[in-house]
C-alpha atoms as a PDB file:
ATOM      1  CA  MET A   1     103.120  73.724 125.570  1.00  0.00           C
ATOM      2  CA  ILE A   2      99.929  75.239 126.892  1.00  0.00           C
ATOM      3  CA  GLU A   3     101.865  75.999 130.301  1.00  0.00           C
ATOM      4  CA  LEU A   4     104.658  77.744 128.306  1.00  0.00           C
ATOM      5  CA  TRP A   5     102.104  79.845 126.503  1.00  0.00           C
ATOM      6  CA  THR A   6     100.130  80.845 129.560  1.00  0.00           C
ATOM      7  CA  ALA A   7     103.588  81.640 131.219  1.00  0.00           C
ATOM      8  CA  LEU A   8     104.216  84.298 128.584  1.00  0.00           C
ATOM      9  CA  PRO A   9     103.256  88.165 129.489  1.00  0.00           C
ATOM     10  CA  LEU A  10     100.036  89.182 127.890  1.00  0.00           C
ATOM     11  CA  VAL A  11     101.881  91.773 125.651  1.00  0.00           C
ATOM     12  CA  ILE A  12     103.999  89.050 124.190  1.00  0.00           C
ATOM     13  CA  GLN A  13     100.832  86.828 123.666  1.00  0.00           C
ATOM     14  CA  ILE A  14      99.066  89.587 121.833  1.00  0.00           C
ATOM     15  CA  VAL A  15     102.168  90.436 119.790  1.00  0.00           C
ATOM     16  CA  LEU A  16     102.546  86.660 118.610  1.00  0.00           C
ATOM     17  CA  LYS A  17      98.833  86.362 117.809  1.00  0.00           C
ATOM     18  CA  ILE A  18      99.081  89.658 115.647  1.00  0.00           C
ATOM     19  CA  VAL A  19     102.224  88.170 113.853  1.00  0.00           C
ATOM     20  CA  ALA A  20     100.408  84.793 113.464  1.00  0.00           C
ATOM     21  CA  ILE A  21      97.518  86.521 111.725  1.00  0.00           C
ATOM     22  CA  MET A  22      99.416  89.249 109.686  1.00  0.00           C
ATOM     23  CA  LEU A  23     102.010  86.861 107.975  1.00  0.00           C
ATOM     24  CA  PRO A  24      99.646  84.512 106.256  1.00  0.00           C
ATOM     25  CA  VAL A  25      97.382  87.545 105.390  1.00  0.00           C
ATOM     26  CA  MET A  26     100.320  89.334 103.638  1.00  0.00           C
ATOM     27  CA  ILE A  27     101.308  86.080 101.859  1.00  0.00           C
ATOM     28  CA  LEU A  28      97.589  85.499 100.675  1.00  0.00           C
ATOM     29  CA  VAL A  29      97.404  89.140  99.600  1.00  0.00           C
ATOM     30  CA  ALA A  30     100.596  88.583  97.415  1.00  0.00           C
ATOM     31  CA  TYR A  31      99.070  85.797  95.604  1.00  0.00           C
ATOM     32  CA  TYR A  32      95.686  87.432  95.319  1.00  0.00           C
ATOM     33  CA  THR A  33      97.370  89.940  93.015  1.00  0.00           C
ATOM     34  CA  TYR A  34      98.869  86.885  91.030  1.00  0.00           C
ATOM     35  CA  ALA A  35      95.325  85.195  90.875  1.00  0.00           C
ATOM     36  CA  GLU A  36      93.767  88.570  89.620  1.00  0.00           C
ATOM     37  CA  ARG A  37      96.441  88.960  86.883  1.00  0.00           C
ATOM     38  CA  LYS A  38      95.957  85.594  85.669  1.00  0.00           C
ATOM     39  CA  ILE A  39      92.087  85.840  85.615  1.00  0.00           C
ATOM     40  CA  ILE A  40      92.249  89.173  83.807  1.00  0.00           C
ATOM     41  CA  GLY A  41      94.868  87.484  81.274  1.00  0.00           C
ATOM     42  CA  PHE A  42      92.537  84.742  80.668  1.00  0.00           C
ATOM     43  CA  MET A  43      89.599  87.325  80.148  1.00  0.00           C
ATOM     44  CA  GLN A  44      91.853  89.189  77.549  1.00  0.00           C
ATOM     45  CA  VAL A  45      93.062  85.931  75.947  1.00  0.00           C
ATOM     46  CA  ARG A  46      96.830  86.118  77.013  1.00  0.00           C
ATOM     47  CA  ASN A  47      98.812  84.288  79.571  1.00  0.00           C
ATOM     48  CA  GLY A  48      99.384  86.500  82.437  1.00  0.00           C
ATOM     49  CA  PRO A  49     102.425  86.423  84.650  1.00  0.00           C
ATOM     50  CA  ASN A  50     104.047  83.158  83.603  1.00  0.00           C
ATOM     51  CA  ARG A  51     107.863  83.679  83.565  1.00  0.00           C
ATOM     52  CA  VAL A  52     109.171  84.114  87.097  1.00  0.00           C
ATOM     53  CA  GLY A  53     109.388  80.801  89.029  1.00  0.00           C
ATOM     54  CA  PHE A  54     111.787  79.174  91.575  1.00  0.00           C
ATOM     55  CA  PHE A  55     115.226  77.563  91.188  1.00  0.00           C
ATOM     56  CA  GLY A  56     115.023  77.761  87.331  1.00  0.00           C
ATOM     57  CA  PHE A  57     111.567  76.425  87.060  1.00  0.00           C
ATOM     58  CA  ARG A  58     108.802  78.673  85.648  1.00  0.00           C
ATOM     59  CA  LEU A  59     106.058  76.906  87.698  1.00  0.00           C
ATOM     60  CA  TRP A  60     103.269  78.984  86.033  1.00  0.00           C
ATOM     61  CA  GLY A  61     104.876  82.252  87.269  1.00  0.00           C
ATOM     62  CA  LEU A  62     104.277  81.631  90.909  1.00  0.00           C
ATOM     63  CA  GLY A  63     107.332  83.576  91.847  1.00  0.00           C
ATOM     64  CA  GLN A  64     105.991  86.853  90.257  1.00  0.00           C
ATOM     65  CA  PRO A  65     104.530  88.115  93.523  1.00  0.00           C
ATOM     66  CA  ILE A  66     107.851  87.716  95.372  1.00  0.00           C
ATOM     67  CA  ALA A  67     109.608  89.364  92.529  1.00  0.00           C
ATOM     68  CA  ASP A  68     107.268  92.234  92.613  1.00  0.00           C
ATOM     69  CA  ALA A  69     107.568  92.643  96.495  1.00  0.00           C
ATOM     70  CA  VAL A  70     111.368  92.652  96.317  1.00  0.00           C
ATOM     71  CA  LYS A  71     111.446  95.129  93.327  1.00  0.00           C
ATOM     72  CA  LEU A  72     109.172  97.505  95.317  1.00  0.00           C
ATOM     73  CA  MET A  73     111.164  97.287  98.453  1.00  0.00           C
ATOM     74  CA  PHE A  74     114.354  98.365  96.884  1.00  0.00           C
ATOM     75  CA  LYS A  75     112.773 101.278  94.788  1.00  0.00           C
ATOM     76  CA  GLU A  76     113.283 104.816  95.924  1.00  0.00           C
ATOM     77  CA  ILE A  77     110.354 106.632  97.667  1.00  0.00           C
ATOM     78  CA  VAL A  78     110.154 109.858  95.706  1.00  0.00           C
ATOM     79  CA  ILE A  79     108.183 112.744  97.425  1.00  0.00           C
ATOM     80  CA  PRO A  80     107.072 115.462  95.077  1.00  0.00           C
ATOM     81  CA  SER A  81     108.567 118.882  95.632  1.00  0.00           C
ATOM     82  CA  GLY A  82     105.287 120.630  96.329  1.00  0.00           C
ATOM     83  CA  ALA A  83     103.812 117.764  98.453  1.00  0.00           C
ATOM     84  CA  ASN A  84     103.006 118.027 102.173  1.00  0.00           C
ATOM     85  CA  LYS A  85     105.782 115.421 103.221  1.00  0.00           C
ATOM     86  CA  LEU A  86     104.385 114.458 106.506  1.00  0.00           C
ATOM     87  CA  LEU A  87     100.833 113.737 105.313  1.00  0.00           C
ATOM     88  CA  PHE A  88     102.116 112.213 102.004  1.00  0.00           C
ATOM     89  CA  LEU A  89     104.015 109.466 104.181  1.00  0.00           C
ATOM     90  CA  ILE A  90     101.192 108.995 106.621  1.00  0.00           C
ATOM     91  CA  ALA A  91      98.478 108.410 104.053  1.00  0.00           C
ATOM     92  CA  PRO A  92      99.385 104.833 103.243  1.00  0.00           C
ATOM     93  CA  MET A  93      99.570 103.832 106.899  1.00  0.00           C
ATOM     94  CA  LEU A  94      96.081 105.389 107.335  1.00  0.00           C
ATOM     95  CA  SER A  95      94.931 103.116 104.589  1.00  0.00           C
ATOM     96  CA  ILE A  96      96.400  99.709 105.639  1.00  0.00           C
ATOM     97  CA  GLY A  97      96.128 100.366 109.429  1.00  0.00           C
ATOM     98  CA  PRO A  98      92.262  99.896 109.473  1.00  0.00           C
ATOM     99  CA  ALA A  99      92.475  97.102 106.800  1.00  0.00           C
ATOM    100  CA  LEU A 100      94.794  94.882 108.985  1.00  0.00           C
ATOM    101  CA  ALA A 101      92.926  95.902 112.328  1.00  0.00           C
ATOM    102  CA  ALA A 102      89.664  94.523 110.907  1.00  0.00           C
ATOM    103  CA  TRP A 103      91.272  90.963 111.018  1.00  0.00           C
ATOM    104  CA  ALA A 104      91.342  91.220 114.935  1.00  0.00           C
ATOM    105  CA  VAL A 105      87.699  90.119 115.238  1.00  0.00           C
ATOM    106  CA  PHE A 106      87.583  87.432 112.536  1.00  0.00           C
ATOM    107  CA  PRO A 107      87.244  83.827 114.175  1.00  0.00           C
ATOM    108  CA  PHE A 108      89.638  81.416 112.655  1.00  0.00           C
ATOM    109  CA  ASP A 109      88.341  78.510 114.686  1.00  0.00           C
ATOM    110  CA  ALA A 110      86.243  77.932 117.844  1.00  0.00           C
ATOM    111  CA  GLY A 111      87.980  80.199 120.506  1.00  0.00           C
ATOM    112  CA  ILE A 112      90.717  81.228 118.072  1.00  0.00           C
ATOM    113  CA  VAL A 113      90.191  85.050 117.628  1.00  0.00           C
ATOM    114  CA  LEU A 114      92.354  87.860 118.609  1.00  0.00           C
ATOM    115  CA  ALA A 115      89.559  90.158 119.953  1.00  0.00           C
ATOM    116  CA  ASP A 116      86.184  88.525 120.779  1.00  0.00           C
ATOM    117  CA  ILE A 117      84.074  91.605 120.916  1.00  0.00           C
ATOM    118  CA  ASN A 118      80.115  91.528 120.876  1.00  0.00           C
ATOM    119  CA  ALA A 119      80.077  94.268 118.295  1.00  0.00           C
ATOM    120  CA  GLY A 120      82.365  92.540 115.776  1.00  0.00           C
ATOM    121  CA  LEU A 121      80.204  93.250 112.750  1.00  0.00           C
ATOM    122  CA  LEU A 122      79.764  96.949 113.662  1.00  0.00           C
ATOM    123  CA  TYR A 123      83.652  97.022 114.146  1.00  0.00           C
ATOM    124  CA  ILE A 124      84.560  95.817 110.691  1.00  0.00           C
ATOM    125  CA  LEU A 125      82.153  98.417 109.229  1.00  0.00           C
ATOM    126  CA  ALA A 126      83.839 100.966 111.277  1.00  0.00           C
ATOM    127  CA  MET A 127      87.436  99.904 110.371  1.00  0.00           C
ATOM    128  CA  THR A 128      86.581  99.770 106.503  1.00  0.00           C
ATOM    129  CA  SER A 129      85.177 103.173 106.735  1.00  0.00           C
ATOM    130  CA  LEU A 130      88.388 104.610 108.178  1.00  0.00           C
ATOM    131  CA  GLY A 131      90.359 103.648 105.116  1.00  0.00           C
ATOM    132  CA  VAL A 132      88.960 106.494 103.032  1.00  0.00           C
ATOM    133  CA  TYR A 133      90.701 109.062 105.127  1.00  0.00           C
ATOM    134  CA  GLY A 134      94.047 107.731 103.811  1.00  0.00           C
ATOM    135  CA  VAL A 135      92.727 108.030 100.273  1.00  0.00           C
ATOM    136  CA  ILE A 136      91.602 111.646 100.756  1.00  0.00           C
ATOM    137  CA  ILE A 137      94.805 112.548 102.443  1.00  0.00           C
ATOM    138  CA  ALA A 138      97.049 110.905  99.808  1.00  0.00           C
ATOM    139  CA  GLY A 139      95.208 112.791  97.062  1.00  0.00           C
ATOM    140  CA  TRP A 140      95.432 116.168  98.675  1.00  0.00           C
ATOM    141  CA  ALA A 141      99.106 115.777 100.049  1.00  0.00           C
ATOM    142  CA  SER A 142     100.423 114.783  96.657  1.00  0.00           C
ATOM    143  CA  ASN A 143      99.818 118.444  95.345  1.00  0.00           C
ATOM    144  CA  SER A 144      98.721 117.028  92.007  1.00  0.00           C
ATOM    145  CA  LYS A 145      95.524 117.518  90.203  1.00  0.00           C
ATOM    146  CA  TYR A 146      95.409 114.042  88.843  1.00  0.00           C
ATOM    147  CA  ALA A 147      95.952 112.436  92.272  1.00  0.00           C
ATOM    148  CA  PHE A 148      93.252 114.665  93.895  1.00  0.00           C
ATOM    149  CA  LEU A 149      90.762 113.853  91.157  1.00  0.00           C
ATOM    150  CA  GLY A 150      91.359 110.283  91.712  1.00  0.00           C
ATOM    151  CA  ALA A 151      90.882 110.654  95.451  1.00  0.00           C
ATOM    152  CA  ILE A 152      87.671 112.293  94.898  1.00  0.00           C
ATOM    153  CA  ARG A 153      86.517 109.650  92.589  1.00  0.00           C
ATOM    154  CA  SER A 154      87.734 106.817  95.172  1.00  0.00           C
ATOM    155  CA  ALA A 155      86.273 108.491  98.207  1.00  0.00           C
ATOM    156  CA  ALA A 156      82.769 108.952  96.627  1.00  0.00           C
ATOM    157  CA  GLN A 157      82.693 105.388  95.416  1.00  0.00           C
ATOM    158  CA  ILE A 158      83.809 103.804  98.766  1.00  0.00           C
ATOM    159  CA  VAL A 159      81.420 105.784 100.725  1.00  0.00           C
ATOM    160  CA  SER A 160      78.522 105.262  98.182  1.00  0.00           C
ATOM    161  CA  TYR A 161      78.896 101.494  98.256  1.00  0.00           C
ATOM    162  CA  GLU A 162      79.519 101.151 102.150  1.00  0.00           C
ATOM    163  CA  ILE A 163      75.798 102.130 102.430  1.00  0.00           C
ATOM    164  CA  ALA A 164      74.660  99.163 100.458  1.00  0.00           C
ATOM    165  CA  MET A 165      77.185  96.950 102.044  1.00  0.00           C
ATOM    166  CA  GLY A 166      75.901  97.885 105.484  1.00  0.00           C
ATOM    167  CA  PHE A 167      72.291  97.347 104.629  1.00  0.00           C
ATOM    168  CA  ALA A 168      73.120  94.014 103.275  1.00  0.00           C
ATOM    169  CA  LEU A 169      74.942  93.034 106.620  1.00  0.00           C
ATOM    170  CA  VAL A 170      71.710  93.865 108.382  1.00  0.00           C
ATOM    171  CA  GLY A 171      70.098  90.670 107.147  1.00  0.00           C
ATOM    172  CA  VAL A 172      72.896  88.778 108.507  1.00  0.00           C
ATOM    173  CA  LEU A 173      72.521  90.493 111.952  1.00  0.00           C
ATOM    174  CA  VAL A 174      68.776  89.636 111.912  1.00  0.00           C
ATOM    175  CA  ALA A 175      69.339  85.966 110.734  1.00  0.00           C
ATOM    176  CA  ALA A 176      72.080  85.367 113.456  1.00  0.00           C
ATOM    177  CA  GLY A 177      70.571  87.550 116.218  1.00  0.00           C
ATOM    178  CA  SER A 178      74.035  88.751 117.104  1.00  0.00           C
ATOM    179  CA  LEU A 179      76.914  91.197 116.209  1.00  0.00           C
ATOM    180  CA  ASN A 180      79.441  88.731 117.393  1.00  0.00           C
ATOM    181  CA  LEU A 181      81.265  87.138 114.383  1.00  0.00           C
ATOM    182  CA  GLY A 182      81.825  84.009 116.430  1.00  0.00           C
ATOM    183  CA  ASP A 183      78.063  83.738 117.010  1.00  0.00           C
ATOM    184  CA  ILE A 184      77.240  84.334 113.371  1.00  0.00           C
ATOM    185  CA  VAL A 185      79.536  81.613 112.316  1.00  0.00           C
ATOM    186  CA  ALA A 186      78.070  79.140 114.872  1.00  0.00           C
ATOM    187  CA  ALA A 187      74.570  80.025 113.535  1.00  0.00           C
ATOM    188  CA  GLN A 188      75.624  78.648 110.179  1.00  0.00           C
ATOM    189  CA  GLN A 189      76.957  75.278 111.456  1.00  0.00           C
ATOM    190  CA  GLY A 190      76.142  72.367 109.119  1.00  0.00           C
ATOM    191  CA  SER A 191      76.477  71.873 105.381  1.00  0.00           C
ATOM    192  CA  LEU A 192      76.635  74.352 102.631  1.00  0.00           C
ATOM    193  CA  LEU A 193      72.780  74.623 102.638  1.00  0.00           C
ATOM    194  CA  HIS A 194      72.664  75.873 106.230  1.00  0.00           C
ATOM    195  CA  TRP A 195      74.755  78.910 105.292  1.00  0.00           C
ATOM    196  CA  PHE A 196      73.071  82.318 105.187  1.00  0.00           C
ATOM    197  CA  TRP A 197      73.966  82.880 101.500  1.00  0.00           C
ATOM    198  CA  LEU A 198      71.006  80.634 100.301  1.00  0.00           C
ATOM    199  CA  PRO A 199      68.080  82.365 102.159  1.00  0.00           C
ATOM    200  CA  LEU A 200      69.789  85.720 101.964  1.00  0.00           C
ATOM    201  CA  LEU A 201      70.896  85.302  98.127  1.00  0.00           C
ATOM    202  CA  PRO A 202      69.858  88.892  97.124  1.00  0.00           C
ATOM    203  CA  LEU A 203      71.738  90.383  99.913  1.00  0.00           C
ATOM    204  CA  PHE A 204      74.792  88.255  99.225  1.00  0.00           C
ATOM    205  CA  LEU A 205      74.728  89.580  95.796  1.00  0.00           C
ATOM    206  CA  VAL A 206      74.537  93.131  97.051  1.00  0.00           C
ATOM    207  CA  TYR A 207      77.340  92.542  99.506  1.00  0.00           C
ATOM    208  CA  PHE A 208      79.601  90.908  96.947  1.00  0.00           C
ATOM    209  CA  ILE A 209      79.239  93.647  94.255  1.00  0.00           C
ATOM    210  CA  SER A 210      79.688  96.343  96.945  1.00  0.00           C
ATOM    211  CA  GLY A 211      82.769  94.578  98.200  1.00  0.00           C
ATOM    212  CA  VAL A 212      84.260  94.605  94.723  1.00  0.00           C
ATOM    213  CA  ALA A 213      83.344  98.156  94.119  1.00  0.00           C
ATOM    214  CA  GLU A 214      84.822  99.313  97.720  1.00  0.00           C
ATOM    215  CA  THR A 215      88.230  97.752  96.743  1.00  0.00           C
ATOM    216  CA  ASN A 216      88.316  99.455  93.402  1.00  0.00           C
ATOM    217  CA  ARG A 217      88.458  96.055  91.514  1.00  0.00           C
ATOM    218  CA  ALA A 218      87.470  95.638  87.846  1.00  0.00           C
ATOM    219  CA  PRO A 219      84.996  96.609  86.541  1.00  0.00           C
ATOM    220  CA  PHE A 220      84.511  99.222  89.154  1.00  0.00           C
ATOM    221  CA  ASP A 221      88.223 100.534  88.869  1.00  0.00           C
ATOM    222  CA  VAL A 222      87.050 103.800  87.517  1.00  0.00           C
ATOM    223  CA  ALA A 223      89.020 105.602  90.385  1.00  0.00           C
ATOM    224  CA  GLU A 224      92.240 104.444  88.891  1.00  0.00           C
ATOM    225  CA  GLY A 225      91.225 105.656  85.500  1.00  0.00           C
ATOM    226  CA  GLU A 226      94.453 104.395  83.761  1.00  0.00           C
ATOM    227  CA  SER A 227      93.401 105.970  80.479  1.00  0.00           C
ATOM    228  CA  GLU A 228      92.634 109.375  82.063  1.00  0.00           C
ATOM    229  CA  ILE A 229      94.522 110.082  85.392  1.00  0.00           C
ATOM    230  CA  VAL A 230      97.214 107.418  85.144  1.00  0.00           C
ATOM    231  CA  ALA A 231      96.757 105.614  88.595  1.00  0.00           C
ATOM    232  CA  GLY A 232      94.233 107.449  90.624  1.00  0.00           C
ATOM    233  CA  PHE A 233      95.114 108.858  94.136  1.00  0.00           C
ATOM    234  CA  HIS A 234      98.509 107.185  94.390  1.00  0.00           C
ATOM    235  CA  VAL A 235      99.836 108.299  91.109  1.00  0.00           C
ATOM    236  CA  GLU A 236     102.750 110.147  92.847  1.00  0.00           C
ATOM    237  CA  TYR A 237     103.696 107.310  95.077  1.00  0.00           C
ATOM    238  CA  SER A 238     106.590 104.852  94.415  1.00  0.00           C
ATOM    239  CA  GLY A 239     108.276 101.987  96.070  1.00  0.00           C
ATOM    240  CA  MET A 240     106.729 100.572  99.327  1.00  0.00           C
ATOM    241  CA  THR A 241     104.532 103.557  99.745  1.00  0.00           C
ATOM    242  CA  PHE A 242     102.784 102.524  96.404  1.00  0.00           C
ATOM    243  CA  ALA A 243     102.851  98.818  97.417  1.00  0.00           C
ATOM    244  CA  VAL A 244     101.121  99.667 100.920  1.00  0.00           C
ATOM    245  CA  PHE A 245      97.989 101.160  99.199  1.00  0.00           C
ATOM    246  CA  PHE A 246      97.569  97.923  97.119  1.00  0.00           C
ATOM    247  CA  LEU A 247      98.113  95.672 100.293  1.00  0.00           C
ATOM    248  CA  ALA A 248      95.362  97.982 101.929  1.00  0.00           C
ATOM    249  CA  GLU A 249      92.840  97.176  99.026  1.00  0.00           C
ATOM    250  CA  TYR A 250      93.552  93.468  98.881  1.00  0.00           C
ATOM    251  CA  ALA A 251      93.584  93.012 102.676  1.00  0.00           C
END
C-alpha cells in the first residue's frame, strides 16, 4: 500500500490529501449547524430540529443538515439588478478559500499534515485575516444599504477581535518555543493537565471568546442584526452562495 502511494505523482498525492481533509471538515461543519440549533433550542426551551431523519425514522432530526444542503443546492442564485455581478460571485469564494486553506497546517497525527511549515501559527492568523475581504466585497457588491451596513459591522468586529486572538496566541508561542503546530502539539504531550490551557487559562478564555466573536456566533452575532438588517452582509445572497458564507464561518 505504501509503495502504491509513493508511486503516485506528487500532484495526485496532494489532491488526495486535500480531499481527505476537506470531506470530513464539510461533514463536521454541517453537523456543527445542527448542534448549534439544538443548543439554542435548549436555551430557548424548545426542541430545535427534530423532524428530518433517515428511512422514516426521525433520529432526533439528524437528517436536517443534509436536507438543508440539498435545499440550498437546488435553489436559484439570484443576483440583484444593481449589483456588481463579478464581485458578487467572487465574494463567497474569498470567504471560504482562506478558511479551508488554514486546515493545511493542522497536524492530525504525528507526521500527518498537508503542509508542515515552521510558521504554521502565523499562517493561520494570516489566513483567518483574509476572510474579511470577502465580507467587505459581498456587502459592497450587493448594492444594498443593509448588506453594506452589515459588512461594515462584521469587518469591524472581525478585525477588532483578531488583535486579542493574536495576543492570546503569543502565550502559546512562548510556552512551546515554536510557531510550528506539530511542535506545539508535541510540547503538550501527556494528560489533560499537561496541556497549555491550565497555565494559560486567562489567555485560553480570551482566545475562546475572540473566536466566538470572530465567527459571528451568539451572543456576538450583532453583524447579522436579524431584527434590524435581516441577515447582515449576505442579505442579498441565496442558494449555494448563501450557504458558502456559513461554511466559511463554521470551517
